[in-house]
Amino acid sequence: MKFCSSCGATVELRIPEDDNRPRHICTVCGIVHYQNPRMVIGSIPEWEDKILLCRRAIEPRHGLWTLPGGFMENGESTAQAAIRETLEEANARIAIGDLYSMYSLPYIDQVHILFRARLLDLDFSPGSESLEVKLFSEAEIPWDEIAFRPIRLSLEHYFAERNNGTFNLHVGELTPPSRFV
C-alpha cells in the first residue's frame, strides 16, 4: 500500500500506539489501514453418495478440480457466501448443512471454511469460473488433480467419516508447501 484510500496522501509502515505490529498509516489524516486475512468460503455439495466438483477456468490452478468456493463478500454471512459461490461456480442450488472444516493458511493470509451442503436438484452447469462441473463418487475423485490442500484434506476427512457414519468439525493450520519455502 502506498497511498491512503481516504485522502490520497502517502502512507508509511509503522507500529501504531497500543499496537504490536507494523500497519500502513496515513502521513496526513492518520488513518490506520488494517489488512486482515481473506475468507475463502465454500461447500461440499452432496447428492446421494456423490460430491459436486468444479474444474477451474481461472488461475490459480487453472484446469484442476475443486469444491465450489471463493472469497467472502462484505455484508454476507459465511453461509450466504457458500450458497452464492456454489451458485456462481456451478449454477447449483444448495441447502447449507453443518460447518465442516476451517483451515488457516497464514503464509497467504487466508482462512478456508467449508460447509456440508445438500444439492437441491441436479440442475447444475459450469459458471463463468468453471470449465466443467460433475458429480463424483469417492472412487471417481481425481485425487491427483485437486487444486488446493484444504479441499483435498476436507474431502479425505469427508469420505473417511461418511464411511463411519459420523461427521466432525476439522480445524487446522497449514504450513507453506515446499515450493513456498
Foldseek 3Di string as FASTA:
>chain_A
DAADPVPGAGWDWDADPPGDGTFTAGPPPGDTDDDAFWEKAEEFEDDPQWTKWFQFCDDDLHRFIFGQIGTDDPPDDSVVRHQVSCCQAKVWGWDWDAWAEWEAEVVRRYIYTYTYIYTPDPPIFGHPGGPTMDIDHPVRPPLVRYRDDVRSVSVVQVVVVVVVVDGDYYYYYDYDDPVVD
